[in-house]
Structures are given as structure tokens and as C-alpha cells.
């Protein structure tokens, strides 16, 4: 029988085998034998979740995005053939009723008989006004000043009024510009008194129109605020 290797030689061989095995293991872990390509592909591949389908992104809109839906053009008409009253938030009858209230108030404003009580004069105006405006009609800074002036002149006057234009309007209000006149008779002479232009705002409530404000047109009254 051959002689066995010395113990020292056996240890060297055993240590060499261990080094070889460790090196081989490191080589395999670093992707030896072509395994790295497959690993990279598997890492790069997107993960699948749920049923394996992805939702489409929300559609974008804007001038740079064309739509695939056929357009639906609005109907247009020639302005020359349009009933312009349809542009107002009122019917023709409602607009006439608003104008009638403005005109009646202006006529009552210019109608004065100094022989009667001021209460009767203000009552005619208050019946056409909103509750808020009726409470301040008799103030010296408002209609009360005109009554004071005419009663001191012992005047008897008939009021007249003509609507000139619509200055502004809202959903439930209209501001008219009205020319008012007072055919006045005093103890000395009979004459026409031109009261001038007034801006008068009427508001709608409960199916009726009431005066919300009344003042000279040049003051700049542009309706309910």
C-alpha cells in the first residue's frame, strides 16, 4: 500500500479545497454562467398587480389637445332678426309694468296742492315705494324739500313725466331716467316748471314693482346696490 500523505500536506489540500469552493460560490452569486442577463431583465420588467391591466390616464383638454368627439355648434341668429327684449331678465309686460311704476311716482312727485296736508302728498308716493324708501320720503334731504318749497310758494301743481331711457337693470331691478315736469300755478302767475331728469330705480317683489330710490340723474344713481 502506498504511504499516506503527511498530516501537514493533508491540511494544505483541505484548505485549498475550501478556498476553491468559496471562490466558486462568489462567482455564481455575481451572475456566473449567463444568469445576470436574465436577472436584469426580470428586475427591469414592470410589476403586475391586480388583473394585470393598467387604467388609461384621464383625458386631457385644452387648445393643444384635439377631441375625437364631433362638435355640437350652438344655434345662432342674425341680430337684425332678434327680438332684443329677450335679452332682458323680464318679459315685455313686466318691463312695461316697471316703467309704469316709475312714471306714476314721478308724476306724483310733481303733483302738489298746498291747500292739502303734506301727509296726503307723501301718502301718494309711499303707496308706490318700498317700505324702506317710504320711511325716508319725507326727509328734508329728499322729497320733503320739494314739498316745503312748493307749499311756501302756495303752489298748485300737476306732475307729468316721460321715461327717456333705461340706465341699468338687474335680475329684479330696473333704473329708468325720467324727465319730470310740474305744471305749476301760483297766486302771481301760471307757468311750466321743468323739474329735470331723475334716475328712478324700481324693484320687483311679490309680483309688483316698487320704487327703491329717486334722485336727480346727474347724481350718479345707478340702481340698487
Protein backbone atom coordinates (compact mmCIF):
# COMPACT_ATOMS: atom_id res chain seq x y z
CA UNK A 1 0.00 0.00 0.00
CA UNK A 2 1.21 3.49 -0.77
CA UNK A 3 2.14 5.65 2.06
CA UNK A 4 -0.50 8.15 3.23
CA UNK A 5 0.22 11.83 2.87
CA UNK A 6 1.71 13.58 5.77
CA UNK A 7 -0.72 15.36 8.03
CA UNK A 8 0.61 18.79 7.02
CA UNK A 9 0.02 18.05 3.32
CA UNK A 10 -3.49 16.87 4.04
CA UNK A 11 -4.29 20.17 5.81
CA UNK A 12 -2.97 22.17 2.84
CA UNK A 13 -5.12 20.23 0.38
CA UNK A 14 -8.19 20.60 2.59
CA UNK A 15 -7.63 24.38 2.93
CA UNK A 16 -7.18 24.69 -0.86
CA UNK A 17 -10.50 22.91 -1.49
CA UNK A 18 -12.26 25.27 0.87
CA UNK A 19 -10.82 28.35 -0.94
CA UNK A 20 -11.85 26.91 -4.31
CA UNK A 21 -15.41 26.23 -3.11
CA UNK A 22 -15.78 29.73 -1.61
CA UNK A 23 -14.49 31.37 -4.79
CA UNK A 24 -16.88 29.30 -6.90
CA UNK A 25 -19.79 30.34 -4.71
CA UNK A 26 -18.88 34.04 -5.06
CA UNK A 27 -18.64 33.63 -8.83
CA UNK A 28 -22.12 32.16 -9.01
CA UNK A 29 -23.57 34.90 -6.82
CA UNK A 30 -22.16 37.57 -9.18
CA UNK A 31 -24.02 36.14 -12.17
CA UNK A 32 -21.74 33.50 -13.44
CA UNK A 33 -22.79 31.26 -16.38
CA UNK A 34 -25.01 34.00 -18.00
CA UNK A 35 -27.56 34.27 -15.17
CA UNK A 36 -27.04 38.03 -14.80
CA UNK A 37 -28.88 38.97 -18.03
CA UNK A 38 -31.98 37.12 -17.00
CA UNK A 39 -31.85 38.70 -13.56
CA UNK A 40 -31.56 42.21 -15.01
CA UNK A 41 -34.49 41.61 -17.35
CA UNK A 42 -36.63 40.35 -14.51
CA UNK A 43 -35.77 43.42 -12.44
CA UNK A 44 -36.46 45.82 -15.30
CA UNK A 45 -39.82 44.26 -16.10
CA UNK A 46 -42.78 46.18 -14.57
CA UNK A 47 -44.57 44.52 -11.72
CA UNK A 48 -48.01 43.23 -12.47
CA UNK A 49 -50.77 43.89 -9.97
CA UNK A 50 -54.41 43.03 -9.76
CA UNK A 51 -55.70 41.58 -13.01
CA UNK A 52 -52.56 42.53 -14.91
CA UNK A 53 -54.19 45.57 -16.69
CA UNK A 54 -53.49 49.26 -16.16
CA UNK A 55 -56.05 52.08 -16.27
CA UNK A 56 -55.88 54.62 -19.07
CA UNK A 57 -54.84 58.11 -17.92
CA UNK A 58 -57.57 60.74 -17.59
CA UNK A 59 -58.27 62.52 -20.91
CA UNK A 60 -56.69 65.92 -21.20
CA UNK A 61 -58.32 69.01 -22.59
CA UNK A 62 -57.10 72.32 -23.85
CA UNK A 63 -56.13 74.11 -27.04
CA UNK A 64 -53.29 71.66 -27.70
CA UNK A 65 -55.46 68.55 -27.33
CA UNK A 66 -57.77 67.59 -30.16
CA UNK A 67 -61.07 65.95 -29.31
CA UNK A 68 -62.40 62.91 -31.10
CA UNK A 69 -65.98 63.87 -30.27
CA UNK A 70 -67.91 65.55 -33.05
CA UNK A 71 -68.64 69.25 -32.33
CA UNK A 72 -72.14 70.49 -31.49
CA UNK A 73 -72.43 74.07 -32.82
CA UNK A 74 -74.88 76.35 -30.99
CA UNK A 75 -77.73 77.84 -32.95
CA UNK A 76 -77.15 81.46 -33.93
CA UNK A 77 -79.37 84.10 -35.44
CA UNK A 78 -78.91 87.39 -37.20
CA UNK A 79 -79.05 90.24 -34.69
CA UNK A 80 -81.19 92.17 -37.14
CA UNK A 81 -83.90 89.50 -36.76
CA UNK A 82 -83.62 89.18 -32.97
CA UNK A 83 -86.24 90.40 -30.52
CA UNK A 84 -83.96 92.40 -28.23
CA UNK A 85 -86.46 92.19 -25.38
CA UNK A 86 -85.39 88.56 -24.95
CA UNK A 87 -82.03 89.88 -23.70
CA UNK A 88 -83.69 91.27 -20.57
CA UNK A 89 -84.49 89.16 -17.50
CA UNK A 90 -88.12 90.34 -17.78
CA UNK A 91 -90.98 89.87 -20.17
CA UNK A 92 -92.25 92.81 -22.15
CA UNK A 93 -95.28 93.13 -19.86
CA UNK A 94 -93.05 93.11 -16.76
CA UNK A 95 -90.87 95.85 -18.23
CA UNK A 96 -93.93 97.94 -19.05
CA UNK A 97 -95.23 97.50 -15.52
CA UNK A 98 -91.87 98.61 -14.11
CA UNK A 99 -91.92 101.70 -16.32
CA UNK A 100 -95.48 102.50 -15.33
CA UNK A 101 -94.49 102.50 -11.65
CA UNK A 102 -91.54 104.80 -12.33
CA UNK A 103 -93.68 107.17 -14.34
CA UNK A 104 -96.51 107.24 -11.80
CA UNK A 105 -94.09 108.02 -8.96
CA UNK A 106 -92.50 110.87 -10.93
CA UNK A 107 -95.92 112.34 -11.70
CA UNK A 108 -96.97 112.11 -8.07
CA UNK A 109 -93.73 113.82 -7.08
CA UNK A 110 -94.60 116.84 -9.22
CA UNK A 111 -98.27 116.98 -8.18
CA UNK A 112 -98.73 119.31 -5.20
CA UNK A 113 -101.64 121.24 -3.71
CA UNK A 114 -100.53 123.49 -0.89
CA UNK A 115 -104.08 123.61 0.48
CA UNK A 116 -103.92 119.92 1.34
CA UNK A 117 -101.90 118.32 4.13
CA UNK A 118 -98.36 117.14 3.45
CA UNK A 119 -99.42 113.70 4.69
CA UNK A 120 -101.74 113.29 1.71
CA UNK A 121 -98.90 114.25 -0.64
CA UNK A 122 -96.46 111.76 0.88
CA UNK A 123 -99.12 109.03 1.05
CA UNK A 124 -99.45 109.02 -2.75
CA UNK A 125 -95.70 108.48 -3.07
CA UNK A 126 -95.41 105.94 -0.26
CA UNK A 127 -98.02 103.76 -1.95
CA UNK A 128 -95.61 103.31 -4.87
CA UNK A 129 -92.42 102.87 -2.82
CA UNK A 130 -90.77 100.03 -0.95
CA UNK A 131 -91.24 100.02 2.82
CA UNK A 132 -87.64 101.12 3.36
CA UNK A 133 -87.85 104.05 0.97
CA UNK A 134 -91.31 105.07 2.19
CA UNK A 135 -89.85 105.61 5.65
CA UNK A 136 -87.46 108.31 4.43
CA UNK A 137 -89.52 110.04 1.75
CA UNK A 138 -90.47 112.97 3.94
CA UNK A 139 -86.89 113.74 4.97
CA UNK A 140 -85.81 117.33 4.19
CA UNK A 141 -82.95 115.92 2.13
CA UNK A 142 -85.37 114.00 -0.08
CA UNK A 143 -88.93 114.62 -1.30
CA UNK A 144 -89.72 116.65 1.81
CA UNK A 145 -87.56 119.51 0.49
CA UNK A 146 -89.68 119.85 -2.65
CA UNK A 147 -92.92 119.90 -0.67
CA UNK A 148 -91.55 122.61 1.60
CA UNK A 149 -90.53 124.78 -1.35
CA UNK A 150 -93.84 124.44 -3.20
CA UNK A 151 -96.05 124.92 -0.16
CA UNK A 152 -94.24 128.13 0.75
CA UNK A 153 -94.99 129.41 -2.76
CA UNK A 154 -98.64 128.45 -2.28
CA UNK A 155 -98.42 126.38 -5.42
CA UNK A 156 -100.88 124.03 -7.02
CA UNK A 157 -99.03 121.81 -9.46
CA UNK A 158 -99.79 118.94 -11.80
CA UNK A 159 -96.97 116.50 -12.28
CA UNK A 160 -96.06 114.98 -15.64
CA UNK A 161 -93.32 112.51 -16.53
CA UNK A 162 -91.81 110.77 -19.54
CA UNK A 163 -89.41 107.84 -19.48
CA UNK A 164 -86.32 108.63 -21.55
CA UNK A 165 -84.18 105.54 -21.24
CA UNK A 166 -83.13 102.55 -19.17
CA UNK A 167 -79.88 103.29 -17.37
CA UNK A 168 -79.27 99.85 -15.86
CA UNK A 169 -81.05 96.69 -14.82
CA UNK A 170 -80.55 93.61 -12.69
CA UNK A 171 -82.35 90.36 -12.10
CA UNK A 172 -85.17 92.13 -10.22
CA UNK A 173 -84.50 95.84 -10.68
CA UNK A 174 -84.58 98.49 -13.37
CA UNK A 175 -83.24 102.04 -13.24
CA UNK A 176 -85.01 104.46 -15.56
CA UNK A 177 -84.04 108.01 -16.49
CA UNK A 178 -87.20 110.11 -16.41
CA UNK A 179 -87.88 113.71 -17.38
CA UNK A 180 -90.30 115.21 -14.86
CA UNK A 181 -92.37 118.35 -15.16
CA UNK A 182 -94.65 120.27 -12.82
CA UNK A 183 -97.38 122.48 -14.34
CA UNK A 184 -97.46 124.99 -11.54
CA UNK A 185 -99.96 127.73 -10.71
CA UNK A 186 -99.27 130.27 -8.00
CA UNK A 187 -101.10 133.37 -6.85
CA UNK A 188 -98.96 135.53 -9.16
CA UNK A 189 -98.70 133.61 -12.40
CA UNK A 190 -99.17 130.32 -14.20
CA UNK A 191 -96.09 128.70 -15.62
CA UNK A 192 -94.46 125.41 -16.53
CA UNK A 193 -91.71 124.26 -14.24
CA UNK A 194 -89.21 121.82 -15.71
CA UNK A 195 -88.05 119.67 -12.83
CA UNK A 196 -85.33 117.97 -14.90
CA UNK A 197 -84.13 114.41 -15.27
CA UNK A 198 -84.33 111.87 -12.47
CA UNK A 199 -82.90 108.40 -12.02
CA UNK A 200 -85.55 106.20 -10.50
CA UNK A 201 -84.97 102.59 -9.55
CA UNK A 202 -87.85 100.17 -9.21
CA UNK A 203 -87.52 96.67 -7.76
CA UNK A 204 -89.71 93.62 -8.18
CA UNK A 205 -91.18 91.78 -5.25
CA UNK A 206 -94.35 89.79 -4.72
CA UNK A 207 -95.41 90.27 -8.34
CA UNK A 208 -95.36 94.08 -8.13
CA UNK A 209 -92.85 96.87 -8.74
CA UNK A 210 -91.95 99.43 -6.09
CA UNK A 211 -89.68 102.47 -6.12
CA UNK A 212 -86.40 101.82 -4.35
CA UNK A 213 -84.70 105.16 -4.96
CA UNK A 214 -85.36 108.50 -6.68
CA UNK A 215 -82.87 111.29 -7.19
CA UNK A 216 -81.51 113.68 -9.84
CA UNK A 217 -79.97 111.74 -12.73
CA UNK A 218 -76.66 113.60 -12.59
CA UNK A 219 -76.00 112.46 -9.02
CA UNK A 220 -74.93 109.13 -10.40
CA UNK A 221 -77.59 106.78 -9.07
CA UNK A 222 -77.09 103.52 -10.93
CA UNK A 223 -79.59 101.22 -9.31
CA UNK A 224 -79.89 99.02 -6.28
CA UNK A 225 -76.61 98.23 -4.51
